[in-house]
N, C-alpha and C. Protein backbone atom coordinates (compact mmCIF):
# COMPACT_ATOMS: atom_id res chain seq x y z
N MET A 1 0.81 -1.20 0.00
CA MET A 1 0.00 0.00 0.00
C MET A 1 0.86 1.27 0.00
N VAL A 2 2.16 1.12 0.24
CA VAL A 2 3.03 2.29 0.23
C VAL A 2 3.00 2.91 -1.16
N GLY A 3 2.78 4.21 -1.20
CA GLY A 3 2.70 4.93 -2.47
C GLY A 3 1.28 5.13 -2.95
N HIS A 4 0.32 4.47 -2.33
CA HIS A 4 -1.08 4.61 -2.72
C HIS A 4 -1.80 5.64 -1.86
N LYS A 5 -2.93 6.09 -2.34
CA LYS A 5 -3.76 7.03 -1.58
C LYS A 5 -4.39 6.31 -0.39
N VAL A 6 -4.70 7.07 0.64
CA VAL A 6 -5.32 6.50 1.83
C VAL A 6 -6.69 5.92 1.50
N SER A 7 -7.38 6.44 0.52
CA SER A 7 -8.68 5.90 0.12
C SER A 7 -8.54 4.46 -0.37
N SER A 8 -7.45 4.16 -1.05
CA SER A 8 -7.18 2.80 -1.51
C SER A 8 -6.92 1.87 -0.32
N LEU A 9 -6.23 2.39 0.69
CA LEU A 9 -5.97 1.63 1.91
C LEU A 9 -7.28 1.27 2.59
N VAL A 10 -8.16 2.23 2.75
CA VAL A 10 -9.44 2.01 3.42
C VAL A 10 -10.34 1.10 2.58
N ASN A 11 -10.31 1.26 1.26
CA ASN A 11 -11.11 0.38 0.40
C ASN A 11 -10.64 -1.07 0.49
N THR A 12 -9.34 -1.27 0.67
CA THR A 12 -8.78 -2.62 0.73
C THR A 12 -8.99 -3.28 2.09
N PHE A 13 -8.70 -2.54 3.17
CA PHE A 13 -8.72 -3.14 4.51
C PHE A 13 -9.90 -2.70 5.37
N GLY A 14 -10.69 -1.77 4.89
CA GLY A 14 -11.80 -1.27 5.69
C GLY A 14 -11.35 -0.15 6.61
N PRO A 15 -12.24 0.30 7.48
CA PRO A 15 -11.86 1.39 8.38
C PRO A 15 -10.81 0.92 9.40
N PRO A 16 -9.88 1.79 9.76
CA PRO A 16 -8.86 1.41 10.73
C PRO A 16 -9.43 1.33 12.15
N VAL A 17 -8.73 0.63 13.01
CA VAL A 17 -9.11 0.54 14.41
C VAL A 17 -8.90 1.89 15.09
N LYS A 18 -7.83 2.58 14.67
CA LYS A 18 -7.50 3.87 15.28
C LYS A 18 -6.76 4.73 14.27
N ILE A 19 -7.01 6.03 14.31
CA ILE A 19 -6.25 7.00 13.52
C ILE A 19 -5.57 7.95 14.50
N ILE A 20 -4.27 8.04 14.38
CA ILE A 20 -3.48 8.90 15.26
C ILE A 20 -2.98 10.09 14.45
N LYS A 21 -3.26 11.30 14.92
CA LYS A 21 -2.79 12.51 14.24
C LYS A 21 -1.47 12.93 14.87
N LEU A 22 -0.47 13.12 14.03
CA LEU A 22 0.84 13.54 14.50
C LEU A 22 0.94 15.06 14.47
N GLN A 23 1.91 15.61 15.19
CA GLN A 23 2.07 17.06 15.28
C GLN A 23 2.38 17.70 13.94
N ASN A 24 3.06 16.98 13.06
CA ASN A 24 3.44 17.56 11.77
C ASN A 24 2.32 17.48 10.73
N GLY A 25 1.13 16.99 11.12
CA GLY A 25 0.00 16.91 10.21
C GLY A 25 -0.18 15.55 9.57
N ASN A 26 0.81 14.68 9.70
CA ASN A 26 0.69 13.32 9.18
C ASN A 26 -0.22 12.50 10.09
N LYS A 27 -0.63 11.32 9.62
CA LYS A 27 -1.52 10.46 10.40
C LYS A 27 -0.99 9.02 10.36
N ILE A 28 -1.39 8.26 11.36
CA ILE A 28 -1.09 6.83 11.39
C ILE A 28 -2.43 6.10 11.43
N PHE A 29 -2.63 5.22 10.46
CA PHE A 29 -3.83 4.39 10.40
C PHE A 29 -3.46 3.01 10.96
N SER A 30 -4.06 2.64 12.10
CA SER A 30 -3.73 1.38 12.76
C SER A 30 -4.79 0.32 12.48
N TYR A 31 -4.31 -0.87 12.14
CA TYR A 31 -5.18 -2.01 11.85
C TYR A 31 -4.77 -3.21 12.70
N VAL A 32 -5.75 -4.05 13.01
CA VAL A 32 -5.51 -5.34 13.65
C VAL A 32 -6.12 -6.40 12.74
N PHE A 33 -5.31 -7.35 12.34
CA PHE A 33 -5.77 -8.45 11.50
C PHE A 33 -5.81 -9.71 12.34
N VAL A 34 -6.90 -10.43 12.29
CA VAL A 34 -7.07 -11.64 13.09
C VAL A 34 -7.18 -12.84 12.14
N ARG A 35 -6.39 -13.85 12.43
CA ARG A 35 -6.43 -15.09 11.66
C ARG A 35 -6.84 -16.21 12.59
N ARG A 36 -7.89 -16.91 12.23
CA ARG A 36 -8.39 -18.00 13.06
C ARG A 36 -8.13 -19.34 12.37
N TYR A 37 -7.68 -20.29 13.16
CA TYR A 37 -7.40 -21.63 12.65
C TYR A 37 -8.29 -22.63 13.39
N TYR A 38 -8.82 -23.58 12.66
CA TYR A 38 -9.65 -24.63 13.23
C TYR A 38 -8.98 -25.97 12.96
N TYR A 39 -8.83 -26.76 14.01
CA TYR A 39 -8.24 -28.08 13.88
C TYR A 39 -9.31 -29.10 14.25
N PRO A 40 -9.73 -29.94 13.32
CA PRO A 40 -10.79 -30.91 13.63
C PRO A 40 -10.33 -31.96 14.64
N SER A 41 -11.28 -32.67 15.21
CA SER A 41 -10.92 -33.71 16.16
C SER A 41 -10.11 -34.80 15.44
N THR A 42 -9.20 -35.39 16.17
CA THR A 42 -8.35 -36.43 15.59
C THR A 42 -8.24 -37.59 16.55
N CYS A 43 -8.03 -38.76 16.02
CA CYS A 43 -7.80 -39.96 16.81
C CYS A 43 -6.55 -40.64 16.28
N THR A 44 -5.72 -41.08 17.21
CA THR A 44 -4.50 -41.78 16.80
C THR A 44 -4.56 -43.21 17.31
N GLY A 45 -4.13 -44.10 16.51
CA GLY A 45 -4.12 -45.51 16.87
C GLY A 45 -5.52 -46.12 16.83
N TYR A 46 -5.56 -47.41 16.69
CA TYR A 46 -6.84 -48.09 16.65
C TYR A 46 -6.64 -49.52 17.14
N SER A 47 -7.53 -49.96 17.98
CA SER A 47 -7.50 -51.32 18.51
C SER A 47 -8.77 -52.03 18.07
N TYR A 48 -8.65 -53.26 17.68
CA TYR A 48 -9.81 -54.03 17.23
C TYR A 48 -10.85 -54.14 18.35
N TYR A 49 -10.40 -54.25 19.60
CA TYR A 49 -11.31 -54.43 20.73
C TYR A 49 -11.79 -53.12 21.33
N PHE A 50 -10.94 -52.11 21.35
CA PHE A 50 -11.26 -50.87 22.06
C PHE A 50 -11.57 -49.69 21.15
N GLY A 51 -11.41 -49.84 19.87
CA GLY A 51 -11.65 -48.72 18.95
C GLY A 51 -10.47 -47.77 18.96
N ALA A 52 -10.76 -46.49 18.78
CA ALA A 52 -9.70 -45.48 18.76
C ALA A 52 -9.04 -45.39 20.13
N LEU A 53 -7.73 -45.25 20.16
CA LEU A 53 -7.01 -45.24 21.43
C LEU A 53 -6.89 -43.84 22.02
N ASP A 54 -6.45 -42.90 21.27
CA ASP A 54 -6.29 -41.52 21.76
C ASP A 54 -7.06 -40.58 20.85
N CYS A 55 -8.05 -39.92 21.40
CA CYS A 55 -8.83 -38.96 20.61
C CYS A 55 -8.71 -37.57 21.23
N PHE A 56 -8.63 -36.59 20.37
CA PHE A 56 -8.50 -35.21 20.82
C PHE A 56 -9.66 -34.40 20.25
N PRO A 57 -10.29 -33.56 21.06
CA PRO A 57 -11.42 -32.76 20.57
C PRO A 57 -10.94 -31.69 19.59
N PRO A 58 -11.87 -31.12 18.83
CA PRO A 58 -11.46 -30.03 17.94
C PRO A 58 -10.90 -28.86 18.73
N SER A 59 -10.02 -28.13 18.12
CA SER A 59 -9.45 -26.97 18.80
C SER A 59 -9.40 -25.77 17.86
N TYR A 60 -9.33 -24.61 18.46
CA TYR A 60 -9.28 -23.35 17.73
C TYR A 60 -8.04 -22.59 18.16
N GLU A 61 -7.52 -21.83 17.23
CA GLU A 61 -6.35 -21.01 17.53
C GLU A 61 -6.55 -19.66 16.85
N GLU A 62 -6.12 -18.61 17.51
CA GLU A 62 -6.28 -17.27 16.94
C GLU A 62 -4.97 -16.52 17.02
N HIS A 63 -4.59 -15.90 15.92
CA HIS A 63 -3.38 -15.08 15.87
C HIS A 63 -3.76 -13.67 15.45
N LYS A 64 -3.19 -12.69 16.13
CA LYS A 64 -3.43 -11.29 15.77
C LYS A 64 -2.15 -10.70 15.19
N TYR A 65 -2.34 -9.92 14.14
CA TYR A 65 -1.24 -9.22 13.49
C TYR A 65 -1.60 -7.74 13.46
N TYR A 66 -0.64 -6.90 13.67
CA TYR A 66 -0.86 -5.46 13.77
C TYR A 66 -0.14 -4.73 12.64
N ALA A 67 -0.78 -3.69 12.13
CA ALA A 67 -0.17 -2.91 11.05
C ALA A 67 -0.45 -1.43 11.27
N ASN A 68 0.57 -0.63 11.12
CA ASN A 68 0.44 0.83 11.15
C ASN A 68 0.86 1.37 9.80
N PHE A 69 -0.02 2.14 9.18
CA PHE A 69 0.27 2.77 7.90
C PHE A 69 0.42 4.27 8.13
N TYR A 70 1.56 4.82 7.76
CA TYR A 70 1.84 6.24 7.94
C TYR A 70 1.40 6.98 6.69
N VAL A 71 0.60 8.02 6.87
CA VAL A 71 0.01 8.77 5.77
C VAL A 71 0.45 10.23 5.88
N ASN A 72 0.92 10.80 4.77
CA ASN A 72 1.37 12.20 4.81
C ASN A 72 0.18 13.15 4.60
N LYS A 73 0.48 14.44 4.56
CA LYS A 73 -0.56 15.47 4.44
C LYS A 73 -1.32 15.38 3.12
N ASP A 74 -0.70 14.77 2.11
CA ASP A 74 -1.33 14.63 0.80
C ASP A 74 -2.15 13.34 0.69
N ASP A 75 -2.36 12.67 1.82
CA ASP A 75 -3.12 11.41 1.89
C ASP A 75 -2.46 10.27 1.10
N ILE A 76 -1.13 10.24 1.10
CA ILE A 76 -0.37 9.17 0.46
C ILE A 76 0.31 8.34 1.56
N VAL A 77 0.18 7.02 1.47
CA VAL A 77 0.85 6.12 2.42
C VAL A 77 2.33 6.11 2.09
N TYR A 78 3.17 6.49 3.08
CA TYR A 78 4.61 6.54 2.83
C TYR A 78 5.40 5.52 3.63
N LYS A 79 4.75 4.81 4.55
CA LYS A 79 5.47 3.84 5.36
C LYS A 79 4.47 2.85 5.94
N ALA A 80 4.87 1.57 6.05
CA ALA A 80 4.04 0.54 6.66
C ALA A 80 4.90 -0.25 7.64
N VAL A 81 4.38 -0.44 8.86
CA VAL A 81 5.10 -1.19 9.89
C VAL A 81 4.19 -2.30 10.38
N PHE A 82 4.70 -3.55 10.38
CA PHE A 82 3.92 -4.72 10.79
C PHE A 82 4.56 -5.36 12.01
N SER A 83 3.71 -5.95 12.86
CA SER A 83 4.19 -6.56 14.08
C SER A 83 3.24 -7.66 14.54
N LYS A 84 3.74 -8.60 15.34
CA LYS A 84 2.89 -9.60 15.95
C LYS A 84 2.43 -9.16 17.34
N THR A 85 2.95 -8.04 17.80
CA THR A 85 2.54 -7.48 19.09
C THR A 85 1.99 -6.07 18.87
N PRO A 86 1.13 -5.62 19.76
CA PRO A 86 0.59 -4.25 19.60
C PRO A 86 1.71 -3.22 19.64
N PHE A 87 1.49 -2.15 18.94
CA PHE A 87 2.49 -1.07 18.89
C PHE A 87 2.41 -0.24 20.15
């Protein structure tokens, strides 16, 4: 998105979680991206008499990714910073 207008950024990712106005007139558009993973139930091993030996229930996992897009006074994205932790 670097080099594109802020309208393109918003059209692509939707509204930001937060907009921070800097003293020099630039802005930071902050986004949080969430990725969810689903792991179905699994069973390991099988016995003719007892059936499945070890079964595990389904599980879910969630990862959050953070992105800050720096926008200048002309509404052009000039920098993007990504992290796995909040800024």
